[in-house]
Amino acid sequence: MKRGIRIRPSPSREIILADGAPPAPIPEPGGALQAFDELLKAPHQVALRARQAGSNRPAFLLLAGSVVGFAVYGAVAGLFTGGSQVLVSAFKAPLIVL
């Protein structure tokens, strides 16, 4: 028997497939780089995992990686001015974006 792809919304935020069975749990990524890789290659899996009950670790990995990326971007932008502006920009960029 082939499982359907349609997903019905459920009041308890659980995902229920068309045949009434819950989907198999999606494994968590091992680290921040794997989490970003999965976000780029299979965003539907990230969305399905966000709706599953369980650990929020992948979401925190993505958030932490984003903050680090924005801090690096801010530091590089601060290099154009130089001096203490490098540290100030590295601190401000994540705050502005998030």
N, C-alpha and C. Protein backbone atom coordinates (compact mmCIF):
# COMPACT_ATOMS: atom_id res chain seq x y z
N MET A 1 0.84 -1.18 0.00
CA MET A 1 0.00 0.00 0.00
C MET A 1 0.89 1.24 0.00
N LYS A 2 0.69 2.10 -0.96
CA LYS A 2 1.51 3.29 -1.09
C LYS A 2 0.94 4.41 -0.22
N ARG A 3 1.84 5.11 0.49
CA ARG A 3 1.42 6.22 1.34
C ARG A 3 1.17 7.46 0.50
N GLY A 4 0.16 8.22 0.87
CA GLY A 4 -0.15 9.46 0.17
C GLY A 4 0.81 10.56 0.56
N ILE A 5 0.92 11.57 -0.26
CA ILE A 5 1.81 12.69 0.01
C ILE A 5 1.07 13.84 0.66
N ARG A 6 -0.25 13.90 0.46
CA ARG A 6 -1.02 15.00 1.02
C ARG A 6 -0.92 15.03 2.54
N ILE A 7 -0.84 16.21 3.08
CA ILE A 7 -0.78 16.38 4.53
C ILE A 7 -2.01 17.15 4.96
N ARG A 8 -2.74 16.58 5.90
CA ARG A 8 -3.93 17.26 6.41
C ARG A 8 -3.55 18.06 7.65
N PRO A 9 -4.04 19.29 7.79
CA PRO A 9 -3.77 20.04 9.01
C PRO A 9 -4.50 19.41 10.18
N SER A 10 -3.87 19.45 11.30
CA SER A 10 -4.43 18.84 12.50
C SER A 10 -4.43 19.87 13.62
N PRO A 11 -5.44 19.91 14.47
CA PRO A 11 -5.47 20.92 15.54
C PRO A 11 -4.34 20.77 16.53
N SER A 12 -3.79 19.57 16.68
CA SER A 12 -2.71 19.36 17.65
C SER A 12 -1.34 19.60 17.03
N ARG A 13 -1.29 20.12 15.80
CA ARG A 13 -0.05 20.41 15.08
C ARG A 13 0.72 19.16 14.72
N GLU A 14 0.12 18.01 14.83
CA GLU A 14 0.76 16.78 14.40
C GLU A 14 0.53 16.62 12.91
N ILE A 15 1.49 16.06 12.23
CA ILE A 15 1.36 15.83 10.81
C ILE A 15 0.74 14.45 10.62
N ILE A 16 -0.31 14.39 9.82
CA ILE A 16 -0.99 13.13 9.54
C ILE A 16 -1.01 12.95 8.03
N LEU A 17 -0.51 11.82 7.57
CA LEU A 17 -0.52 11.56 6.13
C LEU A 17 -1.92 11.19 5.68
N ALA A 18 -2.10 11.13 4.36
CA ALA A 18 -3.43 10.86 3.80
C ALA A 18 -3.99 9.52 4.24
N ASP A 19 -3.13 8.54 4.52
CA ASP A 19 -3.64 7.23 4.95
C ASP A 19 -3.88 7.17 6.46
N GLY A 20 -3.67 8.27 7.17
CA GLY A 20 -3.95 8.34 8.60
C GLY A 20 -2.78 8.00 9.49
N ALA A 21 -1.65 7.58 8.91
CA ALA A 21 -0.49 7.21 9.71
C ALA A 21 0.43 8.41 9.90
N PRO A 22 1.08 8.50 11.05
CA PRO A 22 2.04 9.59 11.24
C PRO A 22 3.29 9.31 10.41
N PRO A 23 3.98 10.36 9.96
CA PRO A 23 5.19 10.15 9.16
C PRO A 23 6.34 9.63 10.02
N ALA A 24 7.30 9.02 9.37
CA ALA A 24 8.49 8.56 10.09
C ALA A 24 9.26 9.77 10.60
N PRO A 25 9.85 9.69 11.79
CA PRO A 25 10.60 10.83 12.31
C PRO A 25 11.80 11.16 11.43
N ILE A 26 12.05 12.44 11.26
CA ILE A 26 13.16 12.90 10.43
C ILE A 26 14.37 13.05 11.35
N PRO A 27 15.50 12.42 11.00
CA PRO A 27 16.68 12.51 11.87
C PRO A 27 17.22 13.93 11.94
N GLU A 28 17.77 14.29 13.10
CA GLU A 28 18.33 15.62 13.29
C GLU A 28 19.70 15.72 12.65
N PRO A 29 20.09 16.90 12.18
CA PRO A 29 21.43 17.07 11.63
C PRO A 29 22.46 16.99 12.75
N GLY A 30 23.68 16.59 12.39
CA GLY A 30 24.73 16.40 13.38
C GLY A 30 25.35 17.69 13.88
N GLY A 31 25.33 18.74 13.10
CA GLY A 31 25.94 20.00 13.50
C GLY A 31 25.36 21.17 12.73
N ALA A 32 25.94 22.34 12.97
CA ALA A 32 25.42 23.55 12.34
C ALA A 32 25.60 23.52 10.83
N LEU A 33 26.73 23.02 10.35
CA LEU A 33 26.95 22.97 8.91
C LEU A 33 25.98 22.01 8.23
N GLN A 34 25.69 20.90 8.87
CA GLN A 34 24.72 19.96 8.31
C GLN A 34 23.32 20.56 8.33
N ALA A 35 23.01 21.34 9.36
CA ALA A 35 21.70 21.99 9.43
C ALA A 35 21.52 22.99 8.29
N PHE A 36 22.58 23.78 7.99
CA PHE A 36 22.50 24.73 6.88
C PHE A 36 22.46 24.00 5.54
N ASP A 37 23.21 22.90 5.43
CA ASP A 37 23.19 22.10 4.21
C ASP A 37 21.78 21.56 3.95
N GLU A 38 21.15 21.06 5.00
CA GLU A 38 19.79 20.54 4.86
C GLU A 38 18.80 21.66 4.52
N LEU A 39 18.99 22.83 5.11
CA LEU A 39 18.11 23.96 4.81
C LEU A 39 18.18 24.35 3.34
N LEU A 40 19.36 24.25 2.75
CA LEU A 40 19.52 24.60 1.34
C LEU A 40 19.07 23.48 0.41
N LYS A 41 19.34 22.22 0.78
CA LYS A 41 19.06 21.10 -0.11
C LYS A 41 17.67 20.51 0.05
N ALA A 42 17.14 20.52 1.26
CA ALA A 42 15.82 19.91 1.51
C ALA A 42 15.02 20.75 2.50
N PRO A 43 14.58 21.96 2.10
CA PRO A 43 13.86 22.82 3.04
C PRO A 43 12.55 22.21 3.53
N HIS A 44 11.95 21.33 2.75
CA HIS A 44 10.71 20.70 3.19
C HIS A 44 10.94 19.83 4.42
N GLN A 45 12.11 19.19 4.51
CA GLN A 45 12.40 18.39 5.71
C GLN A 45 12.55 19.27 6.94
N VAL A 46 13.15 20.44 6.77
CA VAL A 46 13.30 21.37 7.89
C VAL A 46 11.92 21.82 8.38
N ALA A 47 11.02 22.10 7.43
CA ALA A 47 9.67 22.52 7.80
C ALA A 47 8.90 21.38 8.49
N LEU A 48 9.04 20.16 7.99
CA LEU A 48 8.36 19.03 8.63
C LEU A 48 8.91 18.77 10.03
N ARG A 49 10.24 18.88 10.20
CA ARG A 49 10.82 18.66 11.53
C ARG A 49 10.37 19.73 12.51
N ALA A 50 10.17 20.95 12.02
CA ALA A 50 9.72 22.03 12.90
C ALA A 50 8.32 21.76 13.44
N ARG A 51 7.52 21.01 12.69
CA ARG A 51 6.16 20.70 13.14
C ARG A 51 6.10 19.45 14.01
N GLN A 52 7.15 18.64 14.00
CA GLN A 52 7.17 17.42 14.81
C GLN A 52 7.46 17.78 16.26
N ALA A 53 6.90 17.00 17.14
CA ALA A 53 7.22 17.16 18.56
C ALA A 53 8.63 16.64 18.77
N GLY A 54 9.40 17.30 19.59
CA GLY A 54 10.75 16.83 19.86
C GLY A 54 11.69 17.97 20.15
N SER A 55 12.94 17.73 19.86
CA SER A 55 14.00 18.67 20.17
C SER A 55 13.98 19.88 19.24
N ASN A 56 14.33 21.02 19.77
CA ASN A 56 14.46 22.26 18.99
C ASN A 56 15.91 22.52 18.63
N ARG A 57 16.78 21.53 18.81
CA ARG A 57 18.21 21.70 18.57
C ARG A 57 18.52 22.19 17.16
N PRO A 58 17.92 21.63 16.09
CA PRO A 58 18.24 22.13 14.75
C PRO A 58 17.91 23.61 14.56
N ALA A 59 16.81 24.05 15.14
CA ALA A 59 16.44 25.47 15.03
C ALA A 59 17.47 26.34 15.75
N PHE A 60 17.95 25.90 16.91
CA PHE A 60 18.96 26.67 17.64
C PHE A 60 20.29 26.67 16.89
N LEU A 61 20.62 25.55 16.22
CA LEU A 61 21.84 25.51 15.42
C LEU A 61 21.77 26.52 14.27
N LEU A 62 20.62 26.58 13.62
CA LEU A 62 20.45 27.55 12.52
C LEU A 62 20.52 28.98 13.04
N LEU A 63 19.91 29.24 14.19
CA LEU A 63 19.95 30.58 14.77
C LEU A 63 21.38 30.97 15.15
N ALA A 64 22.10 30.05 15.81
CA ALA A 64 23.47 30.35 16.22
C ALA A 64 24.37 30.56 15.00
N GLY A 65 24.20 29.74 13.98
CA GLY A 65 24.99 29.91 12.77
C GLY A 65 24.70 31.23 12.08
N SER A 66 23.45 31.64 12.10
CA SER A 66 23.08 32.93 11.50
C SER A 66 23.70 34.09 12.26
N VAL A 67 23.67 34.03 13.58
CA VAL A 67 24.26 35.10 14.39
C VAL A 67 25.76 35.21 14.13
N VAL A 68 26.43 34.06 14.05
CA VAL A 68 27.87 34.08 13.76
C VAL A 68 28.12 34.66 12.37
N GLY A 69 27.32 34.26 11.40
CA GLY A 69 27.49 34.79 10.04
C GLY A 69 27.27 36.29 9.97
N PHE A 70 26.26 36.78 10.67
CA PHE A 70 26.01 38.22 10.67
C PHE A 70 27.12 38.98 11.40
N ALA A 71 27.69 38.38 12.45
CA ALA A 71 28.80 39.02 13.16
C ALA A 71 30.03 39.11 12.27
N VAL A 72 30.31 38.06 11.51
CA VAL A 72 31.44 38.10 10.58
C VAL A 72 31.20 39.15 9.50
N TYR A 73 29.99 39.20 8.98
CA TYR A 73 29.65 40.22 7.98
C TYR A 73 29.85 41.63 8.56
N GLY A 74 29.39 41.84 9.80
CA GLY A 74 29.54 43.15 10.43
C GLY A 74 31.00 43.52 10.64
N ALA A 75 31.81 42.52 11.03
CA ALA A 75 33.24 42.79 11.24
C ALA A 75 33.91 43.17 9.93
N VAL A 76 33.57 42.47 8.85
CA VAL A 76 34.16 42.80 7.55
C VAL A 76 33.71 44.19 7.11
N ALA A 77 32.45 44.52 7.33
CA ALA A 77 31.96 45.86 6.98
C ALA A 77 32.66 46.92 7.83
N GLY A 78 32.98 46.60 9.08
CA GLY A 78 33.67 47.54 9.94
C GLY A 78 35.12 47.75 9.56
N LEU A 79 35.70 46.83 8.81
CA LEU A 79 37.09 46.98 8.37
C LEU A 79 37.27 48.18 7.43
N PHE A 80 36.21 48.59 6.77
CA PHE A 80 36.32 49.74 5.86
C PHE A 80 36.61 51.02 6.64
N THR A 81 36.07 51.12 7.85
CA THR A 81 36.33 52.29 8.70
C THR A 81 37.56 52.08 9.55
N GLY A 82 37.72 50.86 10.06
CA GLY A 82 38.90 50.53 10.87
C GLY A 82 38.71 50.87 12.33
N GLY A 83 39.74 50.59 13.10
CA GLY A 83 39.74 50.90 14.53
C GLY A 83 38.73 50.07 15.30
N SER A 84 38.10 50.72 16.26
CA SER A 84 37.13 50.02 17.11
C SER A 84 35.82 49.74 16.38
N GLN A 85 35.65 50.33 15.19
CA GLN A 85 34.42 50.12 14.43
C GLN A 85 34.25 48.67 14.00
N VAL A 86 35.35 47.92 13.94
CA VAL A 86 35.28 46.51 13.57
C VAL A 86 34.46 45.75 14.61
N LEU A 87 34.78 45.96 15.89
CA LEU A 87 34.05 45.27 16.96
C LEU A 87 32.62 45.78 17.10
N VAL A 88 32.45 47.08 16.95
CA VAL A 88 31.11 47.65 17.06
C VAL A 88 30.20 47.11 15.96
N SER A 89 30.71 47.06 14.74
CA SER A 89 29.92 46.54 13.62
C SER A 89 29.64 45.05 13.77
N ALA A 90 30.61 44.30 14.29
CA ALA A 90 30.41 42.88 14.51
C ALA A 90 29.31 42.63 15.54
N PHE A 91 29.17 43.54 16.49
CA PHE A 91 28.11 43.41 17.50
C PHE A 91 26.77 43.91 16.97
N LYS A 92 26.81 45.00 16.17
CA LYS A 92 25.56 45.60 15.71
C LYS A 92 24.85 44.80 14.62
N ALA A 93 25.59 44.22 13.72
CA ALA A 93 24.97 43.54 12.57
C ALA A 93 23.98 42.45 12.98
N PRO A 94 24.32 41.54 13.90
CA PRO A 94 23.32 40.55 14.31
C PRO A 94 22.11 41.18 15.00
N LEU A 95 22.33 42.24 15.75
CA LEU A 95 21.21 42.90 16.43
C LEU A 95 20.26 43.55 15.45
N ILE A 96 20.80 44.13 14.41
CA ILE A 96 19.96 44.80 13.42
C ILE A 96 19.13 43.78 12.65
N VAL A 97 19.75 42.69 12.25
CA VAL A 97 19.06 41.70 11.42
C VAL A 97 18.06 40.88 12.23
N LEU A 98 18.45 40.49 13.41
CA LEU A 98 17.57 39.65 14.23
C LEU A 98 16.62 40.52 15.00
